[in-house]
Amino acid sequence: MRNTMNGQPVSTSETIVPDDVRAIMMTRAVQVRARKGQVVVGVGLSASDVYLILEGKVSVSLVSATGRETILRTIGPGQIFGELAAIDGAARSADVIASEDVRLAVIPGAAFLELLQAEPALALWLARHLTTQVRYLTDRVYELSNLAVGSRLLCELLRLAIEHGVTGDSATIRAPTQAEMAARIGTNRETVTREMTLLAGEGVIVRKGRQVEIPSLDRLGKLVRRTSPTG
């Protein structure tokens, strides 16, 4: 991942559960599957299970009283969700929906806490993981509060590029739908369409069906810095 505020690389290795920690978690886990579109965790529920994604991806989102969805982040294989409710016992703070068919390892909240107290490797990794999440969400709050839509779109494209994998200075992503992208950056589908068309016209992106090629991540990072109020 890159820090979208300055375009410089920032490690996200803390978000992927390492093999030794995964082995600890799997001692108390059962495996389940969920189909694309299925709600895995619902906001406001009191359940405290912790989930490790073995296959597939999920999206974490909130829906306003007017029905407007905001996608907070996407979580993929090797990552966890649900740990906050296990730690503090509070209700679920967001919806988690399967973006595609997923296979999950589910650890009951009480069992997760027992492991956390008994296994220093798990406790240390979780502290690093939560620190990474705070930094990520701080970036998101900054973007939504201070950046124009075009700049927020650039930041999201940079995030997606790093998630999908970089080859040299370029990357190819399977872009979300316009509606999904709008939910990610807090705008509407029509605005996303307009901004994507502008970026394509400037050669910042190349659209190929559902795929989007980013010829130069260096150029994209410079655009992020240039359009940021602190850039």
Protein backbone atom coordinates (compact mmCIF):
# COMPACT_ATOMS: atom_id res chain seq x y z
CA MET A 1 0.00 0.00 0.00
CA ARG A 2 0.99 3.63 -0.44
CA ASN A 3 0.30 6.57 1.76
CA THR A 4 -2.04 8.46 -0.56
CA MET A 5 -1.15 11.79 0.99
CA ASN A 6 2.41 11.76 -0.31
CA GLY A 7 2.59 8.86 -2.74
CA GLN A 8 5.32 7.11 -0.77
CA PRO A 9 5.23 3.36 -0.01
CA VAL A 10 3.82 2.33 3.35
CA SER A 11 3.92 -1.32 4.40
CA THR A 12 0.63 -3.10 4.98
CA SER A 13 2.19 -6.43 5.91
CA GLU A 14 0.61 -6.03 9.37
CA THR A 15 -2.84 -6.54 7.80
CA ILE A 16 -2.00 -10.02 6.51
CA VAL A 17 -2.07 -12.65 9.22
CA PRO A 18 1.40 -14.30 9.32
CA ASP A 19 1.67 -18.07 9.23
CA ASP A 20 2.46 -18.50 12.93
CA VAL A 21 -0.47 -16.35 14.03
CA ARG A 22 -2.77 -18.01 11.51
CA ALA A 23 -1.86 -21.41 12.96
CA ILE A 24 -2.79 -20.16 16.44
CA MET A 25 -6.16 -18.84 15.27
CA MET A 26 -7.02 -21.98 13.32
CA THR A 27 -6.80 -24.11 16.48
CA ARG A 28 -10.13 -22.56 17.60
CA ALA A 29 -11.76 -21.94 14.21
CA VAL A 30 -14.47 -23.54 12.14
CA GLN A 31 -14.78 -22.93 8.41
CA VAL A 32 -17.88 -21.51 6.73
CA ARG A 33 -18.77 -20.19 3.28
CA ALA A 34 -20.78 -17.18 2.15
CA ARG A 35 -22.07 -16.34 -1.31
CA LYS A 36 -21.54 -13.08 -3.14
CA GLY A 37 -23.90 -10.42 -1.77
CA GLN A 38 -24.51 -12.21 1.52
CA VAL A 39 -24.33 -10.12 4.72
CA VAL A 40 -21.70 -11.77 6.91
CA VAL A 41 -21.84 -9.20 9.72
CA GLY A 42 -24.66 -6.71 10.25
CA VAL A 43 -24.24 -3.31 11.89
CA GLY A 44 -25.73 -3.16 15.38
CA LEU A 45 -25.64 -6.91 16.02
CA SER A 46 -24.17 -8.16 19.31
CA ALA A 47 -22.21 -11.12 17.88
CA SER A 48 -18.46 -11.15 18.64
CA ASP A 49 -17.03 -13.78 16.27
CA VAL A 50 -13.73 -12.99 14.54
CA TYR A 51 -13.32 -13.91 10.87
CA LEU A 52 -10.20 -14.83 8.91
CA ILE A 53 -10.68 -14.75 5.15
CA LEU A 54 -9.32 -17.88 3.48
CA GLU A 55 -10.70 -17.22 -0.02
CA GLY A 56 -12.55 -14.31 -1.63
CA LYS A 57 -13.18 -10.71 -0.57
CA VAL A 58 -15.65 -8.76 1.55
CA SER A 59 -16.52 -5.06 1.72
CA VAL A 60 -17.02 -3.09 4.92
CA SER A 61 -19.68 -0.42 4.59
CA LEU A 62 -22.19 1.85 6.30
CA VAL A 63 -25.57 2.95 4.99
CA SER A 64 -27.01 6.35 5.96
CA ALA A 65 -30.62 6.99 6.99
CA THR A 66 -31.26 8.16 3.42
CA GLY A 67 -29.95 4.89 1.98
CA ARG A 68 -26.58 6.16 0.78
CA GLU A 69 -23.83 3.56 1.11
CA THR A 70 -20.23 4.39 1.98
CA ILE A 71 -17.69 1.60 1.48
CA LEU A 72 -14.99 1.95 4.13
CA ARG A 73 -12.60 -0.72 2.87
CA THR A 74 -12.27 -4.05 1.11
CA ILE A 75 -10.75 -7.06 2.89
CA GLY A 76 -9.23 -10.06 1.14
CA PRO A 77 -7.48 -13.40 1.73
CA GLY A 78 -5.26 -13.55 4.79
CA GLN A 79 -6.96 -10.63 6.52
CA ILE A 80 -9.35 -10.53 9.47
CA PHE A 81 -12.46 -8.64 10.51
CA GLY A 82 -14.73 -8.60 13.55
CA GLU A 83 -11.90 -8.24 16.06
CA LEU A 84 -13.21 -4.97 17.55
CA ALA A 85 -16.43 -6.51 18.86
CA ALA A 86 -14.46 -9.43 20.32
CA ILE A 87 -12.18 -7.02 22.17
CA ASP A 88 -14.67 -4.48 23.57
CA GLY A 89 -17.95 -6.42 23.51
CA ALA A 90 -19.77 -3.58 21.73
CA ALA A 91 -22.23 -4.05 18.86
CA ARG A 92 -20.98 -4.39 15.30
CA SER A 93 -20.00 -0.99 13.92
CA ALA A 94 -20.43 -1.70 10.19
CA ASP A 95 -21.89 -4.11 7.67
CA VAL A 96 -19.58 -6.70 6.12
CA ILE A 97 -20.86 -8.08 2.82
CA ALA A 98 -19.31 -10.74 0.59
CA SER A 99 -18.02 -9.03 -2.57
CA GLU A 100 -17.61 -12.49 -4.10
CA ASP A 101 -18.00 -16.05 -2.87
CA VAL A 102 -15.86 -16.38 0.26
CA ARG A 103 -14.51 -19.09 2.56
CA LEU A 104 -13.98 -17.98 6.15
CA ALA A 105 -12.42 -19.28 9.33
CA VAL A 106 -14.63 -18.22 12.26
CA ILE A 107 -13.25 -17.91 15.79
CA PRO A 108 -15.77 -17.29 18.61
CA GLY A 109 -15.09 -14.00 20.39
CA ALA A 110 -14.50 -15.64 23.78
CA ALA A 111 -12.02 -18.09 22.23
CA PHE A 112 -10.23 -15.23 20.45
CA LEU A 113 -9.80 -13.39 23.76
CA GLU A 114 -8.43 -16.53 25.41
CA LEU A 115 -5.89 -16.91 22.61
CA LEU A 116 -5.01 -13.23 22.85
CA GLN A 117 -4.14 -13.60 26.53
CA ALA A 118 -2.25 -16.86 26.07
CA GLU A 119 -0.33 -16.19 22.86
CA PRO A 120 2.09 -13.21 22.80
CA ALA A 121 2.65 -13.59 19.05
CA LEU A 122 -1.06 -13.05 18.40
CA ALA A 123 -1.25 -10.09 20.80
CA LEU A 124 1.74 -8.33 19.24
CA TRP A 125 0.50 -8.88 15.70
CA LEU A 126 -2.98 -7.62 16.59
CA ALA A 127 -1.50 -4.42 18.08
CA ARG A 128 0.39 -3.79 14.83
CA HIS A 129 -2.69 -4.63 12.78
CA LEU A 130 -4.89 -2.17 14.68
CA THR A 131 -2.24 0.53 14.35
CA THR A 132 -2.26 0.04 10.59
CA GLN A 133 -6.05 0.30 10.53
CA VAL A 134 -5.99 3.57 12.49
CA ARG A 135 -3.51 5.05 10.03
CA TYR A 136 -5.58 3.85 7.07
CA LEU A 137 -8.84 5.26 8.43
CA THR A 138 -7.10 8.53 9.30
CA ASP A 139 -6.16 8.86 5.63
CA ARG A 140 -9.75 8.10 4.60
CA VAL A 141 -11.21 10.70 6.98
CA TYR A 142 -8.73 13.28 5.67
CA GLU A 143 -9.62 12.51 2.06
CA LEU A 144 -13.39 12.64 2.59
CA SER A 145 -13.15 15.84 4.63
CA ASN A 146 -10.61 17.84 2.65
CA LEU A 147 -10.15 16.57 -0.91
CA ALA A 148 -12.27 17.28 -3.97
CA VAL A 149 -13.93 14.33 -5.70
CA GLY A 150 -11.27 14.13 -8.40
CA SER A 151 -8.51 13.90 -5.80
CA ARG A 152 -10.41 11.25 -3.82
CA LEU A 153 -10.74 9.21 -7.00
CA LEU A 154 -6.97 9.44 -7.60
CA CYS A 155 -6.31 8.23 -4.05
CA GLU A 156 -8.68 5.28 -4.47
CA LEU A 157 -7.14 4.29 -7.80
CA LEU A 158 -3.71 4.33 -6.17
CA ARG A 159 -4.97 2.10 -3.35
CA LEU A 160 -6.57 -0.34 -5.78
CA ALA A 161 -3.43 -0.47 -7.90
CA ILE A 162 -1.27 -1.47 -4.94
CA GLU A 163 -3.85 -4.05 -3.81
CA HIS A 164 -3.96 -5.67 -7.27
CA GLY A 165 -0.18 -5.74 -7.67
CA VAL A 166 2.39 -3.54 -9.34
CA THR A 167 4.63 -4.41 -12.27
CA GLY A 168 7.43 -1.88 -12.43
CA ASP A 169 5.73 1.50 -12.53
CA SER A 170 2.41 0.23 -13.88
CA ALA A 171 -0.60 -1.70 -12.65
CA THR A 172 -3.82 -3.17 -13.99
CA ILE A 173 -6.91 -3.35 -11.82
CA ARG A 174 -10.33 -4.88 -12.22
CA ALA A 175 -12.20 -1.70 -11.48
CA PRO A 176 -15.30 -1.62 -9.30
CA THR A 177 -18.52 -0.55 -10.96
CA GLN A 178 -19.15 3.19 -11.12
CA ALA A 179 -21.69 2.83 -8.30
CA GLU A 180 -19.20 0.90 -6.13
CA MET A 181 -16.47 3.47 -6.78
CA ALA A 182 -18.90 6.26 -5.89
CA ALA A 183 -19.63 4.51 -2.57
CA ARG A 184 -15.91 4.26 -1.90
CA ILE A 185 -15.18 7.95 -2.35
CA GLY A 186 -18.42 9.53 -1.14
CA THR A 187 -19.98 10.81 -4.35
CA ASN A 188 -22.44 9.73 -7.07
CA ARG A 189 -22.07 7.47 -10.09
CA GLU A 190 -22.38 10.29 -12.61
CA THR A 191 -19.48 12.19 -11.06
CA VAL A 192 -17.28 9.09 -11.09
CA THR A 193 -18.09 8.56 -14.78
CA ARG A 194 -17.13 12.15 -15.59
CA GLU A 195 -13.88 12.05 -13.62
CA MET A 196 -12.84 8.68 -15.07
CA THR A 197 -13.45 10.02 -18.58
CA LEU A 198 -11.23 13.01 -17.83
CA LEU A 199 -8.43 10.78 -16.51
CA ALA A 200 -8.68 8.55 -19.58
CA GLY A 201 -8.50 11.61 -21.84
CA GLU A 202 -5.30 12.73 -20.08
CA GLY A 203 -3.74 9.27 -20.35
CA VAL A 204 -3.60 8.77 -16.60
CA ILE A 205 -5.66 5.59 -17.02
CA VAL A 206 -6.50 3.32 -19.94
CA ARG A 207 -9.88 1.62 -19.79
CA LYS A 208 -10.19 -1.90 -21.24
CA GLY A 209 -13.66 -3.20 -20.50
CA ARG A 210 -13.87 -3.87 -16.74
CA GLN A 211 -10.12 -3.47 -16.41
CA VAL A 212 -8.28 -0.21 -15.89
CA GLU A 213 -4.59 0.09 -16.68
CA ILE A 214 -2.49 2.68 -14.87
CA PRO A 215 0.57 3.24 -17.09
CA SER A 216 2.54 5.20 -14.46
CA LEU A 217 2.02 4.97 -10.72
CA ASP A 218 4.69 7.63 -10.30
CA ARG A 219 2.57 10.05 -12.32
CA LEU A 220 -0.53 9.06 -10.36
CA GLY A 221 1.28 9.66 -7.05
CA LYS A 222 2.43 13.09 -8.23
CA LEU A 223 -1.14 13.98 -9.18
CA VAL A 224 -2.29 12.98 -5.69
CA ARG A 225 0.31 15.25 -4.10
CA ARG A 226 -0.45 18.09 -6.50
CA THR A 227 -4.20 18.04 -5.84
CA SER A 228 -3.87 17.70 -2.05
CA PRO A 229 -4.24 20.91 -0.01
CA THR A 230 -0.88 20.08 1.61
CA GLY A 231 0.78 19.05 -1.66
